Amino acid sequence: MIAASPRPRNVKGLDAALVRKIHQQITVLEAAATVRVVAESFPGWKLHELTPKFPGKWSMWVSGNYRLTFRLDQKSGEITDLDFEDYH
């Protein structure tokens, strides 16, 4: 199982629909056995590893130019450096 902690707390200024989607995506990641299961189950989220430039860092589409990015420890399954960013 994947563990994302701590969960983002400051959502001030974000649209409520974006906040719901981000929470949904984090919940799905936490419930999944592997990140690959999420990528295969939700192809519209465009979940992929940012290789070769940033091995171990993953990106998931949220809306428009916005992505969730995070690092995934392959051994522990822990998500770190979770960020919501504008890619462009």
PDB file of N, CA and C in Angstrom:
ATOM      1  N   MET A   1       0.832  -1.175   0.000  1.00  0.00           N
ATOM      2  CA  MET A   1       0.000   0.000   0.000  1.00  0.00           C
ATOM      3  C   MET A   1       0.880   1.243   0.000  1.00  0.00           C
ATOM      4  N   ILE A   2       0.419   2.279  -0.651  1.00  0.00           N
ATOM      5  CA  ILE A   2       1.147   3.543  -0.755  1.00  0.00           C
ATOM      6  C   ILE A   2       0.692   4.453   0.384  1.00  0.00           C
ATOM      7  N   ALA A   3       1.589   5.197   0.971  1.00  0.00           N
ATOM      8  CA  ALA A   3       1.251   6.094   2.079  1.00  0.00           C
ATOM      9  C   ALA A   3       1.624   7.523   1.719  1.00  0.00           C
ATOM     10  N   ALA A   4       0.624   8.396   1.701  1.00  0.00           N
ATOM     11  CA  ALA A   4       0.856   9.820   1.435  1.00  0.00           C
ATOM     12  C   ALA A   4       0.633  10.586   2.728  1.00  0.00           C
ATOM     13  N   SER A   5       1.694  11.070   3.310  1.00  0.00           N
ATOM     14  CA  SER A   5       1.519  11.836   4.524  1.00  0.00           C
ATOM     15  C   SER A   5       2.612  12.894   4.599  1.00  0.00           C
ATOM     16  N   PRO A   6       2.359  14.038   5.137  1.00  0.00           N
ATOM     17  CA  PRO A   6       1.040  14.464   5.577  1.00  0.00           C
ATOM     18  C   PRO A   6       0.175  14.925   4.401  1.00  0.00           C
ATOM     19  N   ARG A   7      -1.121  14.915   4.598  1.00  0.00           N
ATOM     20  CA  ARG A   7      -2.046  15.391   3.561  1.00  0.00           C
ATOM     21  C   ARG A   7      -1.977  16.910   3.497  1.00  0.00           C
ATOM     22  N   PRO A   8      -2.185  17.485   2.301  1.00  0.00           N
ATOM     23  CA  PRO A   8      -2.180  18.947   2.185  1.00  0.00           C
ATOM     24  C   PRO A   8      -3.289  19.559   3.044  1.00  0.00           C
ATOM     25  N   ARG A   9      -2.970  20.620   3.740  1.00  0.00           N
ATOM     26  CA  ARG A   9      -3.956  21.245   4.621  1.00  0.00           C
ATOM     27  C   ARG A   9      -4.384  22.625   4.144  1.00  0.00           C
ATOM     28  N   ASN A  10      -3.487  23.369   3.501  1.00  0.00           N
ATOM     29  CA  ASN A  10      -3.820  24.723   3.089  1.00  0.00           C
ATOM     30  C   ASN A  10      -4.324  24.707   1.653  1.00  0.00           C
ATOM     31  N   VAL A  11      -5.627  24.845   1.494  1.00  0.00           N
ATOM     32  CA  VAL A  11      -6.229  24.840   0.159  1.00  0.00           C
ATOM     33  C   VAL A  11      -6.838  26.200  -0.167  1.00  0.00           C
ATOM     34  N   LYS A  12      -6.496  27.196   0.638  1.00  0.00           N
ATOM     35  CA  LYS A  12      -7.020  28.542   0.442  1.00  0.00           C
ATOM     36  C   LYS A  12      -6.729  29.028  -0.973  1.00  0.00           C
ATOM     37  N   GLY A  13      -7.750  29.528  -1.634  1.00  0.00           N
ATOM     38  CA  GLY A  13      -7.589  30.072  -2.970  1.00  0.00           C
ATOM     39  C   GLY A  13      -7.808  29.062  -4.083  1.00  0.00           C
ATOM     40  N   LEU A  14      -7.915  27.786  -3.752  1.00  0.00           N
ATOM     41  CA  LEU A  14      -8.161  26.767  -4.778  1.00  0.00           C
ATOM     42  C   LEU A  14      -9.656  26.544  -4.946  1.00  0.00           C
ATOM     43  N   ASP A  15     -10.044  26.295  -6.170  1.00  0.00           N
ATOM     44  CA  ASP A  15     -11.431  25.988  -6.481  1.00  0.00           C
ATOM     45  C   ASP A  15     -11.833  24.698  -5.757  1.00  0.00           C
ATOM     46  N   ALA A  16     -13.063  24.654  -5.239  1.00  0.00           N
ATOM     47  CA  ALA A  16     -13.540  23.491  -4.486  1.00  0.00           C
ATOM     48  C   ALA A  16     -13.488  22.209  -5.314  1.00  0.00           C
ATOM     49  N   ALA A  17     -13.761  22.301  -6.610  1.00  0.00           N
ATOM     50  CA  ALA A  17     -13.710  21.118  -7.477  1.00  0.00           C
ATOM     51  C   ALA A  17     -12.286  20.576  -7.580  1.00  0.00           C
ATOM     52  N   LEU A  18     -11.301  21.468  -7.638  1.00  0.00           N
ATOM     53  CA  LEU A  18      -9.902  21.030  -7.670  1.00  0.00           C
ATOM     54  C   LEU A  18      -9.521  20.344  -6.365  1.00  0.00           C
ATOM     55  N   VAL A  19      -9.961  20.909  -5.255  1.00  0.00           N
ATOM     56  CA  VAL A  19      -9.657  20.332  -3.948  1.00  0.00           C
ATOM     57  C   VAL A  19     -10.246  18.924  -3.845  1.00  0.00           C
ATOM     58  N   ARG A  20     -11.492  18.755  -4.296  1.00  0.00           N
ATOM     59  CA  ARG A  20     -12.123  17.431  -4.262  1.00  0.00           C
ATOM     60  C   ARG A  20     -11.340  16.430  -5.113  1.00  0.00           C
ATOM     61  N   LYS A  21     -10.919  16.850  -6.297  1.00  0.00           N
ATOM     62  CA  LYS A  21     -10.192  15.952  -7.188  1.00  0.00           C
ATOM     63  C   LYS A  21      -8.836  15.578  -6.592  1.00  0.00           C
ATOM     64  N   ILE A  22      -8.134  16.539  -6.026  1.00  0.00           N
ATOM     65  CA  ILE A  22      -6.841  16.276  -5.404  1.00  0.00           C
ATOM     66  C   ILE A  22      -7.008  15.271  -4.261  1.00  0.00           C
ATOM     67  N   HIS A  23      -8.015  15.477  -3.436  1.00  0.00           N
ATOM     68  CA  HIS A  23      -8.263  14.538  -2.333  1.00  0.00           C
ATOM     69  C   HIS A  23      -8.612  13.153  -2.868  1.00  0.00           C
ATOM     70  N   GLN A  24      -9.386  13.102  -3.931  1.00  0.00           N
ATOM     71  CA  GLN A  24      -9.731  11.819  -4.543  1.00  0.00           C
ATOM     72  C   GLN A  24      -8.466  11.119  -5.043  1.00  0.00           C
ATOM     73  N   GLN A  25      -7.616  11.858  -5.716  1.00  0.00           N
ATOM     74  CA  GLN A  25      -6.397  11.268  -6.266  1.00  0.00           C
ATOM     75  C   GLN A  25      -5.477  10.752  -5.156  1.00  0.00           C
ATOM     76  N   ILE A  26      -5.328  11.513  -4.092  1.00  0.00           N
ATOM     77  CA  ILE A  26      -4.490  11.077  -2.974  1.00  0.00           C
ATOM     78  C   ILE A  26      -5.095   9.840  -2.312  1.00  0.00           C
ATOM     79  N   THR A  27      -6.413   9.829  -2.152  1.00  0.00           N
ATOM     80  CA  THR A  27      -7.087   8.672  -1.555  1.00  0.00           C
ATOM     81  C   THR A  27      -6.883   7.417  -2.398  1.00  0.00           C
ATOM     82  N   VAL A  28      -7.005   7.557  -3.717  1.00  0.00           N
ATOM     83  CA  VAL A  28      -6.792   6.419  -4.622  1.00  0.00           C
ATOM     84  C   VAL A  28      -5.348   5.938  -4.535  1.00  0.00           C
ATOM     85  N   LEU A  29      -4.396   6.864  -4.499  1.00  0.00           N
ATOM     86  CA  LEU A  29      -2.986   6.483  -4.370  1.00  0.00           C
ATOM     87  C   LEU A  29      -2.752   5.695  -3.072  1.00  0.00           C
ATOM     88  N   GLU A  30      -3.331   6.178  -1.973  1.00  0.00           N
ATOM     89  CA  GLU A  30      -3.134   5.513  -0.687  1.00  0.00           C
ATOM     90  C   GLU A  30      -3.751   4.114  -0.665  1.00  0.00           C
ATOM     91  N   ALA A  31      -4.854   3.925  -1.369  1.00  0.00           N
ATOM     92  CA  ALA A  31      -5.545   2.635  -1.371  1.00  0.00           C
ATOM     93  C   ALA A  31      -4.927   1.626  -2.332  1.00  0.00           C
ATOM     94  N   ALA A  32      -4.136   2.106  -3.268  1.00  0.00           N
ATOM     95  CA  ALA A  32      -3.587   1.237  -4.315  1.00  0.00           C
ATOM     96  C   ALA A  32      -2.424   0.393  -3.805  1.00  0.00           C
ATOM     97  N   ALA A  33      -2.329  -0.799  -4.362  1.00  0.00           N
ATOM     98  CA  ALA A  33      -1.200  -1.674  -4.038  1.00  0.00           C
ATOM     99  C   ALA A  33       0.100  -1.121  -4.626  1.00  0.00           C
ATOM    100  N   THR A  34       0.017  -0.563  -5.829  1.00  0.00           N
ATOM    101  CA  THR A  34       1.185   0.021  -6.492  1.00  0.00           C
ATOM    102  C   THR A  34       0.747   1.234  -7.293  1.00  0.00           C
ATOM    103  N   VAL A  35       1.692   2.071  -7.627  1.00  0.00           N
ATOM    104  CA  VAL A  35       1.411   3.244  -8.443  1.00  0.00           C
ATOM    105  C   VAL A  35       1.009   2.823  -9.861  1.00  0.00           C
ATOM    106  N   ARG A  36       1.531   1.706 -10.306  1.00  0.00           N
ATOM    107  CA  ARG A  36       1.181   1.201 -11.650  1.00  0.00           C
ATOM    108  C   ARG A  36      -0.306   0.846 -11.735  1.00  0.00           C
ATOM    109  N   VAL A  37      -0.867   0.328 -10.667  1.00  0.00           N
ATOM    110  CA  VAL A  37      -2.306   0.005 -10.636  1.00  0.00           C
ATOM    111  C   VAL A  37      -3.121   1.278 -10.845  1.00  0.00           C
ATOM    112  N   VAL A  38      -2.710   2.369 -10.221  1.00  0.00           N
ATOM    113  CA  VAL A  38      -3.409   3.646 -10.388  1.00  0.00           C
ATOM    114  C   VAL A  38      -3.289   4.119 -11.837  1.00  0.00           C
ATOM    115  N   ALA A  39      -2.093   4.038 -12.395  1.00  0.00           N
ATOM    116  CA  ALA A  39      -1.877   4.479 -13.781  1.00  0.00           C
ATOM    117  C   ALA A  39      -2.752   3.700 -14.750  1.00  0.00           C
ATOM    118  N   GLU A  40      -2.888   2.394 -14.519  1.00  0.00           N
ATOM    119  CA  GLU A  40      -3.701   1.561 -15.413  1.00  0.00           C
ATOM    120  C   GLU A  40      -5.198   1.756 -15.180  1.00  0.00           C
ATOM    121  N   SER A  41      -5.594   2.004 -13.938  1.00  0.00           N
ATOM    122  CA  SER A  41      -7.014   2.143 -13.602  1.00  0.00           C
ATOM    123  C   SER A  41      -7.581   3.516 -13.959  1.00  0.00           C
ATOM    124  N   PHE A  42      -6.732   4.537 -13.958  1.00  0.00           N
ATOM    125  CA  PHE A  42      -7.180   5.908 -14.228  1.00  0.00           C
ATOM    126  C   PHE A  42      -6.292   6.526 -15.310  1.00  0.00           C
ATOM    127  N   PRO A  43      -6.404   6.054 -16.550  1.00  0.00           N
ATOM    128  CA  PRO A  43      -5.522   6.569 -17.609  1.00  0.00           C
ATOM    129  C   PRO A  43      -5.689   8.068 -17.859  1.00  0.00           C
ATOM    130  N   GLY A  44      -6.850   8.621 -17.570  1.00  0.00           N
ATOM    131  CA  GLY A  44      -7.094  10.046 -17.772  1.00  0.00           C
ATOM    132  C   GLY A  44      -6.284  10.940 -16.843  1.00  0.00           C
ATOM    133  N   TRP A  45      -5.766  10.352 -15.786  1.00  0.00           N
ATOM    134  CA  TRP A  45      -4.941  11.128 -14.851  1.00  0.00           C
ATOM    135  C   TRP A  45      -3.505  11.265 -15.350  1.00  0.00           C
ATOM    136  N   LYS A  46      -3.160  10.546 -16.392  1.00  0.00           N
ATOM    137  CA  LYS A  46      -1.834  10.648 -17.030  1.00  0.00           C
ATOM    138  C   LYS A  46      -0.694  10.509 -16.024  1.00  0.00           C
ATOM    139  N   LEU A  47      -0.818   9.556 -15.123  1.00  0.00           N
ATOM    140  CA  LEU A  47       0.193   9.306 -14.107  1.00  0.00           C
ATOM    141  C   LEU A  47       1.418   8.661 -14.747  1.00  0.00           C
ATOM    142  N   HIS A  48       2.578   9.285 -14.531  1.00  0.00           N
ATOM    143  CA  HIS A  48       3.804   8.748 -15.108  1.00  0.00           C
ATOM    144  C   HIS A  48       5.017   9.229 -14.323  1.00  0.00           C
ATOM    145  N   GLU A  49       6.061   8.442 -14.412  1.00  0.00           N
ATOM    146  CA  GLU A  49       7.315   8.816 -13.780  1.00  0.00           C
ATOM    147  C   GLU A  49       8.045   9.804 -14.690  1.00  0.00           C
ATOM    148  N   LEU A  50       8.668  10.790 -14.087  1.00  0.00           N
ATOM    149  CA  LEU A  50       9.356  11.845 -14.848  1.00  0.00           C
ATOM    150  C   LEU A  50      10.797  11.428 -15.148  1.00  0.00           C
ATOM    151  N   THR A  51      10.922  10.364 -15.920  1.00  0.00           N
ATOM    152  CA  THR A  51      12.245   9.879 -16.307  1.00  0.00           C
ATOM    153  C   THR A  51      12.568  10.362 -17.706  1.00  0.00           C
ATOM    154  N   PRO A  52      13.773  10.503 -18.080  1.00  0.00           N
ATOM    155  CA  PRO A  52      14.997  10.200 -17.343  1.00  0.00           C
ATOM    156  C   PRO A  52      15.484  11.351 -16.471  1.00  0.00           C
ATOM    157  N   LYS A  53      14.885  12.541 -16.592  1.00  0.00           N
ATOM    158  CA  LYS A  53      15.390  13.704 -15.857  1.00  0.00           C
ATOM    159  C   LYS A  53      15.226  13.595 -14.344  1.00  0.00           C
ATOM    160  N   PHE A  54      14.076  13.070 -13.891  1.00  0.00           N
ATOM    161  CA  PHE A  54      13.772  13.041 -12.463  1.00  0.00           C
ATOM    162  C   PHE A  54      13.313  11.646 -12.028  1.00  0.00           C
ATOM    163  N   PRO A  55      14.178  10.661 -12.067  1.00  0.00           N
ATOM    164  CA  PRO A  55      13.766   9.313 -11.672  1.00  0.00           C
ATOM    165  C   PRO A  55      13.264   9.298 -10.229  1.00  0.00           C
ATOM    166  N   GLY A  56      12.169   8.575 -10.007  1.00  0.00           N
ATOM    167  CA  GLY A  56      11.571   8.508  -8.679  1.00  0.00           C
ATOM    168  C   GLY A  56      10.538   9.580  -8.435  1.00  0.00           C
ATOM    169  N   LYS A  57      10.456  10.567  -9.337  1.00  0.00           N
ATOM    170  CA  LYS A  57       9.452  11.625  -9.216  1.00  0.00           C
ATOM    171  C   LYS A  57       8.325  11.322 -10.199  1.00  0.00           C
ATOM    172  N   TRP A  58       7.101  11.464  -9.731  1.00  0.00           N
ATOM    173  CA  TRP A  58       5.920  11.140 -10.518  1.00  0.00           C
ATOM    174  C   TRP A  58       5.063  12.372 -10.723  1.00  0.00           C
ATOM    175  N   SER A  59       4.277  12.368 -11.790  1.00  0.00           N
ATOM    176  CA  SER A  59       3.370  13.460 -12.121  1.00  0.00           C
ATOM    177  C   SER A  59       1.990  12.884 -12.426  1.00  0.00           C
ATOM    178  N   MET A  60       0.956  13.578 -11.952  1.00  0.00           N
ATOM    179  CA  MET A  60      -0.421  13.167 -12.207  1.00  0.00           C
ATOM    180  C   MET A  60      -1.237  14.406 -12.578  1.00  0.00           C
ATOM    181  N   TRP A  61      -1.938  14.341 -13.707  1.00  0.00           N
ATOM    182  CA  TRP A  61      -2.742  15.454 -14.189  1.00  0.00           C
ATOM    183  C   TRP A  61      -3.928  15.690 -13.263  1.00  0.00           C
ATOM    184  N   VAL A  62      -4.173  16.962 -12.936  1.00  0.00           N
ATOM    185  CA  VAL A  62      -5.343  17.340 -12.139  1.00  0.00           C
ATOM    186  C   VAL A  62      -6.327  18.080 -13.031  1.00  0.00           C
ATOM    187  N   SER A  63      -5.896  19.196 -13.618  1.00  0.00           N
ATOM    188  CA  SER A  63      -6.771  20.010 -14.465  1.00  0.00           C
ATOM    189  C   SER A  63      -5.922  21.020 -15.228  1.00  0.00           C
ATOM    190  N   GLY A  64      -6.226  21.184 -16.505  1.00  0.00           N
ATOM    191  CA  GLY A  64      -5.486  22.167 -17.292  1.00  0.00           C
ATOM    192  C   GLY A  64      -3.992  21.938 -17.202  1.00  0.00           C
ATOM    193  N   ASN A  65      -3.261  22.968 -16.763  1.00  0.00           N
ATOM    194  CA  ASN A  65      -1.808  22.869 -16.600  1.00  0.00           C
ATOM    195  C   ASN A  65      -1.400  22.342 -15.225  1.00  0.00           C
ATOM    196  N   TYR A  66      -2.368  22.049 -14.360  1.00  0.00           N
ATOM    197  CA  TYR A  66      -2.053  21.691 -12.985  1.00  0.00           C
ATOM    198  C   TYR A  66      -1.809  20.198 -12.815  1.00  0.00           C
ATOM    199  N   ARG A  67      -0.757  19.890 -12.046  1.00  0.00           N
ATOM    200  CA  ARG A  67      -0.351  18.515 -11.786  1.00  0.00           C
ATOM    201  C   ARG A  67      -0.052  18.324 -10.305  1.00  0.00           C
ATOM    202  N   LEU A  68      -0.294  17.114  -9.836  1.00  0.00           N
ATOM    203  CA  LEU A  68       0.259  16.694  -8.556  1.00  0.00           C
ATOM    204  C   LEU A  68       1.593  16.045  -8.885  1.00  0.00           C
ATOM    205  N   THR A  69       2.630  16.428  -8.208  1.00  0.00           N
ATOM    206  CA  THR A  69       3.917  15.767  -8.379  1.00  0.00           C
ATOM    207  C   THR A  69       4.344  15.246  -7.007  1.00  0.00           C
ATOM    208  N   PHE A  70       5.076  14.154  -7.024  1.00  0.00           N
ATOM    209  CA  PHE A  70       5.505  13.556  -5.772  1.00  0.00           C
ATOM    210  C   PHE A  70       6.654  12.594  -6.025  1.00  0.00           C
ATOM    211  N   ARG A  71       7.354  12.295  -4.963  1.00  0.00           N
ATOM    212  CA  ARG A  71       8.373  11.260  -4.998  1.00  0.00           C
ATOM    213  C   ARG A  71       7.796  10.030  -4.326  1.00  0.00           C
ATOM    214  N   LEU A  72       8.157   8.860  -4.838  1.00  0.00           N
ATOM    215  CA  LEU A  72       7.663   7.604  -4.295  1.00  0.00           C
ATOM    216  C   LEU A  72       8.848   6.727  -3.922  1.00  0.00           C
ATOM    217  N   ASP A  73       8.929   6.398  -2.646  1.00  0.00           N
ATOM    218  CA  ASP A  73       9.958   5.479  -2.178  1.00  0.00           C
ATOM    219  C   ASP A  73       9.506   4.065  -2.538  1.00  0.00           C
ATOM    220  N   GLN A  74      10.228   3.412  -3.419  1.00  0.00           N
ATOM    221  CA  GLN A  74       9.839   2.093  -3.920  1.00  0.00           C
ATOM    222  C   GLN A  74       9.839   1.033  -2.823  1.00  0.00           C
ATOM    223  N   LYS A  75      10.697   1.159  -1.847  1.00  0.00           N
ATOM    224  CA  LYS A  75      10.786   0.152  -0.787  1.00  0.00           C
ATOM    225  C   LYS A  75       9.655   0.291   0.227  1.00  0.00           C
ATOM    226  N   SER A  76       9.426   1.508   0.719  1.00  0.00           N
ATOM    227  CA  SER A  76       8.424   1.708   1.771  1.00  0.00           C
ATOM    228  C   SER A  76       7.043   2.028   1.216  1.00  0.00           C
ATOM    229  N   GLY A  77       6.976   2.480  -0.036  1.00  0.00           N
ATOM    230  CA  GLY A  77       5.701   2.891  -0.614  1.00  0.00           C
ATOM    231  C   GLY A  77       5.247   4.264  -0.150  1.00  0.00           C
ATOM    232  N   GLU A  78       6.125   4.991   0.526  1.00  0.00           N
ATOM    233  CA  GLU A  78       5.776   6.303   1.054  1.00  0.00           C
ATOM    234  C   GLU A  78       5.921   7.390  -0.008  1.00  0.00           C
ATOM    235  N   ILE A  79       4.911   8.259  -0.058  1.00  0.00           N
ATOM    236  CA  ILE A  79       4.946   9.425  -0.943  1.00  0.00           C
ATOM    237  C   ILE A  79       5.515  10.599  -0.167  1.00  0.00           C
ATOM    238  N   THR A  80       6.500  11.259  -0.779  1.00  0.00           N
ATOM    239  CA  THR A  80       7.076  12.452  -0.174  1.00  0.00           C
ATOM    240  C   THR A  80       7.093  13.562  -1.217  1.00  0.00           C
ATOM    241  N   ASP A  81       7.386  14.748  -0.769  1.00  0.00           N
ATOM    242  CA  ASP A  81       7.489  15.920  -1.648  1.00  0.00           C
ATOM    243  C   ASP A  81       6.248  16.084  -2.522  1.00  0.00           C
ATOM    244  N   LEU A  82       5.071  15.875  -1.929  1.00  0.00           N
ATOM    245  CA  LEU A  82       3.809  16.045  -2.660  1.00  0.00           C
ATOM    246  C   LEU A  82       3.595  17.521  -2.933  1.00  0.00           C
ATOM    247  N   ASP A  83       3.338  17.849  -4.198  1.00  0.00           N
ATOM    248  CA  ASP A  83       3.191  19.254  -4.585  1.00  0.00           C
ATOM    249  C   ASP A  83       2.109  19.393  -5.634  1.00  0.00           C
ATOM    250  N   PHE A  84       1.415  20.504  -5.605  1.00  0.00           N
ATOM    251  CA  PHE A  84       0.409  20.877  -6.612  1.00  0.00           C
ATOM    252  C   PHE A  84       1.039  22.020  -7.382  1.00  0.00           C
ATOM    253  N   GLU A  85       1.291  21.791  -8.685  1.00  0.00           N
ATOM    254  CA  GLU A  85       2.019  22.822  -9.426  1.00  0.00           C
ATOM    255  C   GLU A  85       1.461  23.053 -10.830  1.00  0.00           C
ATOM    256  N   ASP A  86       1.757  24.253 -11.317  1.00  0.00           N
ATOM    257  CA  ASP A  86       1.402  24.641 -12.681  1.00  0.00           C
ATOM    258  C   ASP A  86       2.604  24.310 -13.545  1.00  0.00           C
ATOM    259  N   TYR A  87       2.421  23.374 -14.473  1.00  0.00           N
ATOM    260  CA  TYR A  87       3.528  22.890 -15.279  1.00  0.00           C
ATOM    261  C   TYR A  87       4.005  23.877 -16.346  1.00  0.00           C
ATOM    262  N   HIS A  88       3.171  24.830 -16.713  1.00  0.00           N
ATOM    263  CA  HIS A  88       3.570  25.705 -17.826  1.00  0.00           C
ATOM    264  C   HIS A  88       3.569  27.148 -17.434  1.00  0.00           C
TER     265      HIS A  88
END
